[in-house]
């Protein structure tokens, strides 16, 4: 899993970080877990996003899209959209 994330540009991600996240989403009931045989060592967990996880993911994408749109509006608007524009900053001096 970490190899796949690294291929997607997450070059500094640690396996411990991924494991901690998987444990967290498993405890929240967002994934189904199946233990499958492994050629090397103990059985491995295989995670599948379940219905509750898909719903949560959809909500999260909506929140992320909202935030990304607002940030883009701020970037495009420059200092005019920001309450801490040059005029406001210089008036406090």
N, C-alpha and C. Protein backbone atom coordinates (compact mmCIF):
# COMPACT_ATOMS: atom_id res chain seq x y z
N UNK A 1 0.83 -1.19 0.00
CA UNK A 1 0.00 0.00 0.00
C UNK A 1 0.88 1.26 0.00
N UNK A 2 1.91 1.26 0.83
CA UNK A 2 2.79 2.44 0.86
C UNK A 2 3.52 2.61 -0.46
N UNK A 3 3.85 1.50 -1.12
CA UNK A 3 4.52 1.60 -2.43
C UNK A 3 3.60 2.28 -3.43
N UNK A 4 2.32 1.95 -3.41
CA UNK A 4 1.35 2.59 -4.30
C UNK A 4 1.20 4.08 -4.01
N UNK A 5 1.21 4.44 -2.73
CA UNK A 5 1.13 5.86 -2.37
C UNK A 5 2.38 6.61 -2.82
N UNK A 6 3.52 5.98 -2.69
CA UNK A 6 4.76 6.62 -3.14
C UNK A 6 4.74 6.85 -4.64
N UNK A 7 4.19 5.90 -5.39
CA UNK A 7 4.07 6.07 -6.84
C UNK A 7 3.16 7.24 -7.19
N UNK A 8 2.23 7.57 -6.29
CA UNK A 8 1.31 8.68 -6.52
C UNK A 8 1.87 10.02 -6.04
N UNK A 9 3.13 10.01 -5.58
CA UNK A 9 3.76 11.27 -5.19
C UNK A 9 3.93 11.48 -3.69
N UNK A 10 3.47 10.55 -2.88
CA UNK A 10 3.62 10.66 -1.43
C UNK A 10 4.94 10.00 -1.03
N UNK A 11 6.03 10.61 -1.44
CA UNK A 11 7.34 9.98 -1.29
C UNK A 11 7.82 9.86 0.15
N UNK A 12 7.36 10.71 1.03
CA UNK A 12 7.84 10.69 2.41
C UNK A 12 6.93 9.94 3.37
N UNK A 13 5.94 9.25 2.87
CA UNK A 13 4.98 8.59 3.77
C UNK A 13 5.62 7.36 4.42
N UNK A 14 5.39 7.24 5.72
CA UNK A 14 5.94 6.12 6.48
C UNK A 14 4.90 5.03 6.64
N UNK A 15 5.36 3.79 6.68
CA UNK A 15 4.43 2.67 6.85
C UNK A 15 3.65 2.79 8.15
N UNK A 16 4.29 3.29 9.19
CA UNK A 16 3.60 3.46 10.47
C UNK A 16 2.43 4.42 10.38
N UNK A 17 2.56 5.43 9.55
CA UNK A 17 1.48 6.40 9.34
C UNK A 17 0.29 5.72 8.68
N UNK A 18 0.56 4.94 7.66
CA UNK A 18 -0.52 4.23 6.95
C UNK A 18 -1.19 3.24 7.88
N UNK A 19 -0.40 2.50 8.66
CA UNK A 19 -0.97 1.52 9.59
C UNK A 19 -1.88 2.22 10.60
N UNK A 20 -1.43 3.33 11.16
CA UNK A 20 -2.24 4.06 12.15
C UNK A 20 -3.56 4.52 11.54
N UNK A 21 -3.52 4.99 10.31
CA UNK A 21 -4.75 5.42 9.64
C UNK A 21 -5.69 4.25 9.38
N UNK A 22 -5.13 3.11 8.98
CA UNK A 22 -5.96 1.93 8.74
C UNK A 22 -6.64 1.46 10.02
N UNK A 23 -5.91 1.48 11.12
CA UNK A 23 -6.50 1.09 12.41
C UNK A 23 -7.63 2.04 12.77
N UNK A 24 -7.42 3.33 12.54
CA UNK A 24 -8.44 4.33 12.88
C UNK A 24 -9.71 4.14 12.05
N UNK A 25 -9.56 3.94 10.74
CA UNK A 25 -10.76 3.78 9.91
C UNK A 25 -11.43 2.43 10.17
N UNK A 26 -10.65 1.44 10.55
CA UNK A 26 -11.25 0.15 10.91
C UNK A 26 -12.09 0.30 12.18
N UNK A 27 -11.58 0.99 13.17
CA UNK A 27 -12.32 1.19 14.42
C UNK A 27 -13.59 2.00 14.20
N UNK A 28 -13.57 2.89 13.23
CA UNK A 28 -14.75 3.72 12.94
C UNK A 28 -15.78 2.96 12.10
N UNK A 29 -15.44 1.75 11.67
CA UNK A 29 -16.38 0.93 10.91
C UNK A 29 -16.53 1.34 9.46
N UNK A 30 -15.50 1.98 8.90
CA UNK A 30 -15.58 2.48 7.53
C UNK A 30 -15.07 1.48 6.50
N UNK A 31 -14.47 0.39 6.97
CA UNK A 31 -13.94 -0.64 6.07
C UNK A 31 -14.33 -2.02 6.57
N UNK A 32 -14.39 -2.96 5.66
CA UNK A 32 -14.51 -4.37 6.00
C UNK A 32 -13.11 -4.96 5.91
N UNK A 33 -12.81 -5.86 6.83
CA UNK A 33 -11.47 -6.44 6.89
C UNK A 33 -11.57 -7.96 6.74
N UNK A 34 -10.72 -8.47 5.86
CA UNK A 34 -10.66 -9.91 5.64
C UNK A 34 -9.21 -10.34 5.84
N UNK A 35 -9.02 -11.44 6.52
CA UNK A 35 -7.67 -11.98 6.70
C UNK A 35 -7.44 -13.05 5.65
N UNK A 36 -6.34 -12.89 4.91
CA UNK A 36 -6.04 -13.82 3.83
C UNK A 36 -4.66 -14.44 4.06
N UNK A 37 -4.47 -15.68 3.57
CA UNK A 37 -3.17 -16.32 3.74
C UNK A 37 -2.06 -15.53 3.04
N UNK A 38 -0.87 -15.64 3.60
CA UNK A 38 0.29 -14.96 3.03
C UNK A 38 1.40 -15.97 2.81
N UNK A 39 2.12 -15.80 1.71
CA UNK A 39 3.26 -16.68 1.44
C UNK A 39 4.39 -16.43 2.43
N UNK A 40 4.44 -15.22 2.96
CA UNK A 40 5.50 -14.84 3.88
C UNK A 40 4.90 -14.48 5.23
N UNK A 41 4.91 -15.40 6.16
CA UNK A 41 4.49 -15.08 7.51
C UNK A 41 3.00 -15.24 7.76
N UNK A 42 2.51 -14.44 8.75
CA UNK A 42 1.11 -14.58 9.18
C UNK A 42 0.12 -14.09 8.13
N UNK A 43 -1.15 -14.40 8.38
CA UNK A 43 -2.21 -13.95 7.48
C UNK A 43 -2.22 -12.43 7.41
N UNK A 44 -2.60 -11.90 6.27
CA UNK A 44 -2.61 -10.46 6.03
C UNK A 44 -4.04 -9.93 6.04
N UNK A 45 -4.18 -8.69 6.46
CA UNK A 45 -5.48 -8.04 6.42
C UNK A 45 -5.66 -7.38 5.05
N UNK A 46 -6.85 -7.57 4.49
CA UNK A 46 -7.22 -6.90 3.25
C UNK A 46 -8.41 -6.01 3.60
N UNK A 47 -8.28 -4.72 3.29
CA UNK A 47 -9.31 -3.73 3.63
C UNK A 47 -10.15 -3.41 2.40
N UNK A 48 -11.47 -3.33 2.61
CA UNK A 48 -12.40 -2.94 1.55
C UNK A 48 -13.31 -1.85 2.10
N UNK A 49 -13.46 -0.79 1.35
CA UNK A 49 -14.34 0.29 1.76
C UNK A 49 -15.78 -0.23 1.73
N UNK A 50 -16.49 -0.07 2.84
CA UNK A 50 -17.88 -0.52 2.90
C UNK A 50 -18.83 0.65 2.62
N UNK A 51 -20.12 0.41 2.74
CA UNK A 51 -21.12 1.44 2.43
C UNK A 51 -20.94 2.67 3.30
N UNK A 52 -20.74 2.47 4.59
CA UNK A 52 -20.53 3.59 5.50
C UNK A 52 -19.26 4.36 5.12
N UNK A 53 -18.22 3.64 4.74
CA UNK A 53 -16.98 4.27 4.31
C UNK A 53 -17.14 5.06 3.03
N UNK A 54 -17.91 4.53 2.10
CA UNK A 54 -18.16 5.26 0.84
C UNK A 54 -18.93 6.55 1.10
N UNK A 55 -19.92 6.48 2.01
CA UNK A 55 -20.69 7.68 2.36
C UNK A 55 -19.78 8.72 3.01
N UNK A 56 -18.94 8.28 3.92
CA UNK A 56 -18.02 9.19 4.60
C UNK A 56 -17.04 9.80 3.59
N UNK A 57 -16.55 8.99 2.68
CA UNK A 57 -15.63 9.47 1.65
C UNK A 57 -16.31 10.53 0.78
N UNK A 58 -17.54 10.29 0.40
CA UNK A 58 -18.28 11.24 -0.43
C UNK A 58 -18.45 12.57 0.31
N UNK A 59 -18.81 12.51 1.60
CA UNK A 59 -18.94 13.73 2.40
C UNK A 59 -17.60 14.46 2.50
N UNK A 60 -16.53 13.71 2.68
CA UNK A 60 -15.20 14.31 2.80
C UNK A 60 -14.78 15.00 1.51
N UNK A 61 -15.06 14.37 0.38
CA UNK A 61 -14.74 15.00 -0.91
C UNK A 61 -15.53 16.28 -1.08
N UNK A 62 -16.78 16.29 -0.64
CA UNK A 62 -17.60 17.50 -0.73
C UNK A 62 -17.01 18.63 0.10
N UNK A 63 -16.59 18.31 1.34
CA UNK A 63 -15.98 19.32 2.21
C UNK A 63 -14.66 19.81 1.61
N UNK A 64 -13.88 18.88 1.06
CA UNK A 64 -12.60 19.26 0.46
C UNK A 64 -12.83 20.17 -0.75
N UNK A 65 -13.81 19.84 -1.58
CA UNK A 65 -14.11 20.65 -2.76
C UNK A 65 -14.53 22.06 -2.35
N UNK A 66 -15.35 22.16 -1.32
CA UNK A 66 -15.78 23.47 -0.83
C UNK A 66 -14.57 24.29 -0.38
N UNK A 67 -13.69 23.68 0.41
CA UNK A 67 -12.50 24.37 0.88
C UNK A 67 -11.59 24.77 -0.28
N UNK A 68 -11.38 23.87 -1.22
CA UNK A 68 -10.51 24.15 -2.36
C UNK A 68 -11.07 25.31 -3.19
N UNK A 69 -12.39 25.35 -3.38
CA UNK A 69 -13.00 26.44 -4.14
C UNK A 69 -12.80 27.77 -3.44
N UNK A 70 -12.99 27.80 -2.13
CA UNK A 70 -12.82 29.05 -1.38
C UNK A 70 -11.37 29.51 -1.41
N UNK A 71 -10.44 28.60 -1.30
CA UNK A 71 -9.03 28.96 -1.37
C UNK A 71 -8.67 29.52 -2.74
N UNK A 72 -9.24 28.93 -3.77
CA UNK A 72 -9.00 29.42 -5.13
C UNK A 72 -9.58 30.82 -5.30
N UNK A 73 -10.74 31.07 -4.73
CA UNK A 73 -11.33 32.41 -4.78
C UNK A 73 -10.42 33.42 -4.09
N UNK A 74 -9.86 33.05 -2.95
CA UNK A 74 -8.94 33.94 -2.25
C UNK A 74 -7.69 34.20 -3.08
N UNK A 75 -7.17 33.16 -3.70
CA UNK A 75 -5.96 33.30 -4.52
C UNK A 75 -6.23 34.21 -5.72
N UNK A 76 -7.34 33.99 -6.38
CA UNK A 76 -7.68 34.79 -7.56
C UNK A 76 -8.01 36.23 -7.19
N UNK A 77 -8.62 36.43 -6.03
CA UNK A 77 -8.99 37.77 -5.61
C UNK A 77 -7.82 38.56 -5.05
N UNK A 78 -6.75 37.87 -4.75
CA UNK A 78 -5.58 38.54 -4.19
C UNK A 78 -5.89 39.22 -2.89
N UNK A 79 -5.29 40.37 -2.68
CA UNK A 79 -5.44 41.08 -1.43
C UNK A 79 -6.83 41.69 -1.26
N UNK A 80 -7.55 41.88 -2.36
CA UNK A 80 -8.89 42.45 -2.25
C UNK A 80 -9.83 41.54 -1.47
N UNK A 81 -9.63 40.23 -1.59
CA UNK A 81 -10.51 39.28 -0.92
C UNK A 81 -10.09 39.01 0.52
N UNK A 82 -8.92 39.45 0.89
CA UNK A 82 -8.38 39.14 2.20
C UNK A 82 -8.59 40.31 3.16
N UNK A 83 -9.15 40.09 4.35
CA UNK A 83 -9.37 41.18 5.29
C UNK A 83 -8.08 41.82 5.79
N UNK A 84 -6.96 41.16 5.65
CA UNK A 84 -5.67 41.69 6.08
C UNK A 84 -4.90 42.25 4.90
N UNK A 85 -5.59 43.03 4.05
CA UNK A 85 -4.93 43.61 2.88
C UNK A 85 -3.94 44.67 3.31
N UNK A 86 -3.18 45.20 2.34
CA UNK A 86 -2.15 46.22 2.63
C UNK A 86 -2.75 47.40 3.37
N UNK A 87 -3.91 47.85 2.96
CA UNK A 87 -4.53 49.00 3.59
C UNK A 87 -4.82 48.77 5.06
N UNK A 88 -5.33 47.59 5.37
CA UNK A 88 -5.64 47.27 6.76
C UNK A 88 -4.37 47.13 7.58
N UNK A 89 -3.34 46.53 6.98
CA UNK A 89 -2.09 46.33 7.70
C UNK A 89 -1.38 47.64 7.94
N UNK A 90 -1.37 48.54 6.94
CA UNK A 90 -0.66 49.80 7.11
C UNK A 90 -1.39 50.75 8.04
N UNK A 91 -2.72 50.62 8.16
CA UNK A 91 -3.46 51.51 9.04
C UNK A 91 -3.21 51.21 10.51
N UNK A 92 -2.67 50.03 10.80
CA UNK A 92 -2.38 49.67 12.18
C UNK A 92 -1.00 50.13 12.62
N UNK A 93 -0.19 50.60 11.72
CA UNK A 93 1.17 51.00 12.08
C UNK A 93 1.19 52.34 12.76
